[in-house]
Amino acid sequence: MRKTADNPQVKTAKTYSVLAVFYVVMMLLPHGNAFLG
C-alpha cells in the first residue's frame, strides 16, 4: 500500500493502528477488564 499520506485509506489504517494499540493496552492493564465489561 504505497499511497500518499493524505489518502483516506492510509488515514483509516493509522486510526485502526491506534485503536489496536489502545485495545492491547487496556487488555494488559489490571483494570482493563472493568472497561471491557
Protein backbone atom coordinates (compact mmCIF):
# COMPACT_ATOMS: atom_id res chain seq x y z
CA MET A 1 0.00 0.00 0.00
CA ARG A 2 2.23 2.80 -1.28
CA LYS A 3 -0.08 5.80 -1.41
CA THR A 4 0.21 9.41 -0.36
CA ALA A 5 -0.16 10.31 3.31
CA ASP A 6 -3.40 12.20 2.66
CA ASN A 7 -5.03 9.07 1.25
CA PRO A 8 -8.23 8.18 3.19
CA GLN A 9 -7.19 4.52 3.38
CA VAL A 10 -3.85 5.45 4.95
CA LYS A 11 -5.67 7.62 7.48
CA THR A 12 -8.01 4.73 8.27
CA ALA A 13 -5.08 2.34 8.67
CA LYS A 14 -3.42 4.71 11.12
CA THR A 15 -6.66 5.04 13.07
CA TYR A 16 -7.04 1.26 13.33
CA SER A 17 -3.42 1.00 14.46
CA VAL A 18 -4.06 3.45 17.29
CA LEU A 19 -7.24 1.62 18.28
CA ALA A 20 -5.43 -1.72 18.22
CA VAL A 21 -2.66 -0.42 20.47
CA PHE A 22 -5.22 1.11 22.82
CA TYR A 23 -7.13 -2.17 22.96
CA VAL A 24 -3.98 -4.16 23.76
CA VAL A 25 -3.02 -1.70 26.49
CA MET A 26 -6.49 -1.98 28.03
CA MET A 27 -6.17 -5.78 27.93
CA LEU A 28 -2.78 -5.71 29.67
CA LEU A 29 -3.73 -3.19 32.35
CA PRO A 30 -5.07 -4.63 35.65
CA HIS A 31 -8.27 -2.61 35.35
CA GLY A 32 -8.68 -3.34 31.66
CA ASN A 33 -11.46 -5.86 32.33
CA ALA A 34 -13.53 -3.14 34.01
CA PHE A 35 -13.62 -1.18 30.73
CA LEU A 36 -14.27 -4.23 28.57
CA GLY A 37 -17.02 -5.49 30.83
